[in-house]
Amino acid sequence: MAATAAFADSALLGGATAARGTWISPVRPSLVGDVILVVFLLAQCFDGVFTYVGVLSFGMSIEANPLIATLMHTFGHAAGLTAAKLVAAALGICLHLRQIHSAVAILAGFYIVVAIVPWAVILFA
């Protein structure tokens, strides 16, 4: 007795069919995207360092982000802040790998304007 295998036809189930032997085109490197990612990662680093110095200098009450403040209170200043910055960096890298460079650029600009500049004014003015 021969065993037969029944496979569902993806066209009948509403799915798209892919031609056999086709490959997804490789991601092309983008110099602009790479620069944007580096700016984003530097913004994360500066924000992390400025936040750490600010919290050590002025106390936990100066941290305006309740999520970061909670992480720092729960896990300690360095561990909570490092975890938050690593997650943010990893998500930024994921956006970069998906070639969503405009979102990474907007986030980098946001961090510069809303986090780094205020910390620089508080710490160095």
C-alpha atoms as a PDB file:
ATOM      1  CA  MET A   1       0.000   0.000   0.000  1.00  0.00           C
ATOM      2  CA  ALA A   2       1.536   3.269  -1.061  1.00  0.00           C
ATOM      3  CA  ALA A   3       1.392   6.183   1.306  1.00  0.00           C
ATOM      4  CA  THR A   4       0.181   9.378  -0.228  1.00  0.00           C
ATOM      5  CA  ALA A   5       0.788  12.812   1.186  1.00  0.00           C
ATOM      6  CA  ALA A   6      -1.851  15.444   0.883  1.00  0.00           C
ATOM      7  CA  PHE A   7      -0.692  19.022   0.836  1.00  0.00           C
ATOM      8  CA  ALA A   8      -2.985  22.005   0.935  1.00  0.00           C
ATOM      9  CA  ASP A   9      -2.792  24.208  -2.102  1.00  0.00           C
ATOM     10  CA  SER A  10      -1.842  27.655  -0.825  1.00  0.00           C
ATOM     11  CA  ALA A  11      -3.784  29.321  -3.650  1.00  0.00           C
ATOM     12  CA  LEU A  12      -6.954  27.633  -2.408  1.00  0.00           C
ATOM     13  CA  LEU A  13      -6.308  28.815   1.132  1.00  0.00           C
ATOM     14  CA  GLY A  14      -5.851  32.424   0.089  1.00  0.00           C
ATOM     15  CA  GLY A  15      -2.071  32.428   0.349  1.00  0.00           C
ATOM     16  CA  ALA A  16       0.396  33.642  -2.200  1.00  0.00           C
ATOM     17  CA  THR A  17       2.412  31.129  -4.117  1.00  0.00           C
ATOM     18  CA  ALA A  18       6.119  31.644  -4.626  1.00  0.00           C
ATOM     19  CA  ALA A  19       7.822  30.418  -7.736  1.00  0.00           C
ATOM     20  CA  ARG A  20      10.297  27.662  -7.106  1.00  0.00           C
ATOM     21  CA  GLY A  21      13.912  28.690  -7.166  1.00  0.00           C
ATOM     22  CA  THR A  22      13.317  32.337  -6.359  1.00  0.00           C
ATOM     23  CA  TRP A  23      15.353  34.050  -3.710  1.00  0.00           C
ATOM     24  CA  ILE A  24      14.665  37.115  -1.691  1.00  0.00           C
ATOM     25  CA  SER A  25      16.911  39.851  -2.968  1.00  0.00           C
ATOM     26  CA  PRO A  26      19.751  40.623  -0.587  1.00  0.00           C
ATOM     27  CA  VAL A  27      19.687  43.797   1.429  1.00  0.00           C
ATOM     28  CA  ARG A  28      21.808  46.455  -0.193  1.00  0.00           C
ATOM     29  CA  PRO A  29      24.049  48.418   2.149  1.00  0.00           C
ATOM     30  CA  SER A  30      23.085  52.035   2.642  1.00  0.00           C
ATOM     31  CA  LEU A  31      25.737  54.557   3.653  1.00  0.00           C
ATOM     32  CA  VAL A  32      23.064  57.017   4.779  1.00  0.00           C
ATOM     33  CA  GLY A  33      21.348  54.295   6.809  1.00  0.00           C
ATOM     34  CA  ASP A  34      24.655  53.326   8.410  1.00  0.00           C
ATOM     35  CA  VAL A  35      25.387  56.955   9.372  1.00  0.00           C
ATOM     36  CA  ILE A  36      21.880  57.331  10.800  1.00  0.00           C
ATOM     37  CA  LEU A  37      22.344  54.160  12.854  1.00  0.00           C
ATOM     38  CA  VAL A  38      25.684  55.378  14.222  1.00  0.00           C
ATOM     39  CA  VAL A  39      24.108  58.715  15.194  1.00  0.00           C
ATOM     40  CA  PHE A  40      21.252  56.836  16.891  1.00  0.00           C
ATOM     41  CA  LEU A  41      23.646  54.569  18.808  1.00  0.00           C
ATOM     42  CA  LEU A  42      25.788  57.542  19.862  1.00  0.00           C
ATOM     43  CA  ALA A  43      22.636  59.312  21.044  1.00  0.00           C
ATOM     44  CA  GLN A  44      21.793  56.261  23.158  1.00  0.00           C
ATOM     45  CA  CYS A  45      25.296  56.230  24.643  1.00  0.00           C
ATOM     46  CA  PHE A  46      25.326  59.947  25.447  1.00  0.00           C
ATOM     47  CA  ASP A  47      21.837  59.777  26.907  1.00  0.00           C
ATOM     48  CA  GLY A  48      22.862  56.840  29.079  1.00  0.00           C
ATOM     49  CA  VAL A  49      26.037  58.527  30.341  1.00  0.00           C
ATOM     50  CA  PHE A  50      24.317  61.887  30.934  1.00  0.00           C
ATOM     51  CA  THR A  51      21.421  60.214  32.727  1.00  0.00           C
ATOM     52  CA  TYR A  52      23.768  58.230  34.950  1.00  0.00           C
ATOM     53  CA  VAL A  53      25.828  61.304  35.843  1.00  0.00           C
ATOM     54  CA  GLY A  54      22.668  63.352  36.383  1.00  0.00           C
ATOM     55  CA  VAL A  55      21.090  60.795  38.690  1.00  0.00           C
ATOM     56  CA  LEU A  56      24.302  60.443  40.689  1.00  0.00           C
ATOM     57  CA  SER A  57      24.641  64.225  40.961  1.00  0.00           C
ATOM     58  CA  PHE A  58      21.033  65.251  41.627  1.00  0.00           C
ATOM     59  CA  GLY A  59      19.243  62.084  42.771  1.00  0.00           C
ATOM     60  CA  MET A  60      16.599  59.870  41.232  1.00  0.00           C
ATOM     61  CA  SER A  61      13.984  62.613  41.247  1.00  0.00           C
ATOM     62  CA  ILE A  62      15.651  64.288  38.267  1.00  0.00           C
ATOM     63  CA  GLU A  63      14.883  61.365  35.928  1.00  0.00           C
ATOM     64  CA  ALA A  64      11.716  62.326  34.050  1.00  0.00           C
ATOM     65  CA  ASN A  65      11.073  58.977  32.342  1.00  0.00           C
ATOM     66  CA  PRO A  66       9.054  56.815  34.770  1.00  0.00           C
ATOM     67  CA  LEU A  67      10.063  53.573  33.031  1.00  0.00           C
ATOM     68  CA  ILE A  68      13.774  54.349  33.295  1.00  0.00           C
ATOM     69  CA  ALA A  69      13.339  55.571  36.883  1.00  0.00           C
ATOM     70  CA  THR A  70      11.547  52.334  37.808  1.00  0.00           C
ATOM     71  CA  LEU A  71      14.231  50.188  36.173  1.00  0.00           C
ATOM     72  CA  MET A  72      16.971  52.141  37.933  1.00  0.00           C
ATOM     73  CA  HIS A  73      15.187  51.911  41.277  1.00  0.00           C
ATOM     74  CA  THR A  74      14.492  48.177  40.899  1.00  0.00           C
ATOM     75  CA  PHE A  75      17.795  46.945  39.454  1.00  0.00           C
ATOM     76  CA  GLY A  76      20.204  49.683  40.453  1.00  0.00           C
ATOM     77  CA  HIS A  77      21.307  52.769  38.575  1.00  0.00           C
ATOM     78  CA  ALA A  78      23.847  51.151  36.255  1.00  0.00           C
ATOM     79  CA  ALA A  79      22.019  47.887  35.574  1.00  0.00           C
ATOM     80  CA  GLY A  80      18.605  49.435  34.961  1.00  0.00           C
ATOM     81  CA  LEU A  81      19.963  52.153  32.700  1.00  0.00           C
ATOM     82  CA  THR A  82      22.209  49.741  30.800  1.00  0.00           C
ATOM     83  CA  ALA A  83      19.314  47.347  30.209  1.00  0.00           C
ATOM     84  CA  ALA A  84      17.092  50.133  28.902  1.00  0.00           C
ATOM     85  CA  LYS A  85      19.793  51.486  26.581  1.00  0.00           C
ATOM     86  CA  LEU A  86      20.672  48.016  25.273  1.00  0.00           C
ATOM     87  CA  VAL A  87      17.028  47.308  24.455  1.00  0.00           C
ATOM     88  CA  ALA A  88      16.691  50.676  22.711  1.00  0.00           C
ATOM     89  CA  ALA A  89      19.904  50.068  20.755  1.00  0.00           C
ATOM     90  CA  ALA A  90      18.802  46.566  19.755  1.00  0.00           C
ATOM     91  CA  LEU A  91      15.436  47.839  18.533  1.00  0.00           C
ATOM     92  CA  GLY A  92      17.160  50.597  16.572  1.00  0.00           C
ATOM     93  CA  ILE A  93      19.423  48.015  14.959  1.00  0.00           C
ATOM     94  CA  CYS A  94      16.362  45.908  14.075  1.00  0.00           C
ATOM     95  CA  LEU A  95      14.789  48.913  12.357  1.00  0.00           C
ATOM     96  CA  HIS A  96      18.054  49.507  10.502  1.00  0.00           C
ATOM     97  CA  LEU A  97      18.223  45.898   9.341  1.00  0.00           C
ATOM     98  CA  ARG A  98      14.644  46.197   8.051  1.00  0.00           C
ATOM     99  CA  GLN A  99      15.791  49.340   6.203  1.00  0.00           C
ATOM    100  CA  ILE A 100      13.406  51.625   8.066  1.00  0.00           C
ATOM    101  CA  HIS A 101      16.017  54.366   8.237  1.00  0.00           C
ATOM    102  CA  SER A 102      13.533  57.211   8.502  1.00  0.00           C
ATOM    103  CA  ALA A 103      12.247  55.886  11.838  1.00  0.00           C
ATOM    104  CA  VAL A 104      15.807  55.513  13.143  1.00  0.00           C
ATOM    105  CA  ALA A 105      16.569  59.086  12.032  1.00  0.00           C
ATOM    106  CA  ILE A 106      13.450  60.436  13.741  1.00  0.00           C
ATOM    107  CA  LEU A 107      14.308  58.570  16.945  1.00  0.00           C
ATOM    108  CA  ALA A 108      17.907  59.826  16.849  1.00  0.00           C
ATOM    109  CA  GLY A 109      16.691  63.399  16.422  1.00  0.00           C
ATOM    110  CA  PHE A 110      14.153  62.919  19.194  1.00  0.00           C
ATOM    111  CA  TYR A 111      16.827  61.672  21.617  1.00  0.00           C
ATOM    112  CA  ILE A 112      19.140  64.543  20.736  1.00  0.00           C
ATOM    113  CA  VAL A 113      16.460  67.209  21.219  1.00  0.00           C
ATOM    114  CA  VAL A 114      14.536  65.743  24.157  1.00  0.00           C
ATOM    115  CA  ALA A 115      17.242  63.920  26.116  1.00  0.00           C
ATOM    116  CA  ILE A 116      20.798  64.927  25.266  1.00  0.00           C
ATOM    117  CA  VAL A 117      20.367  68.704  24.966  1.00  0.00           C
ATOM    118  CA  PRO A 118      18.420  69.044  28.250  1.00  0.00           C
ATOM    119  CA  TRP A 119      20.952  66.870  30.088  1.00  0.00           C
ATOM    120  CA  ALA A 120      23.821  68.892  28.616  1.00  0.00           C
ATOM    121  CA  VAL A 121      22.171  72.123  29.793  1.00  0.00           C
ATOM    122  CA  ILE A 122      21.567  70.706  33.286  1.00  0.00           C
ATOM    123  CA  LEU A 123      25.021  69.194  33.669  1.00  0.00           C
ATOM    124  CA  PHE A 124      27.240  71.735  31.950  1.00  0.00           C
ATOM    125  CA  ALA A 125      25.467  75.082  32.293  1.00  0.00           C
END
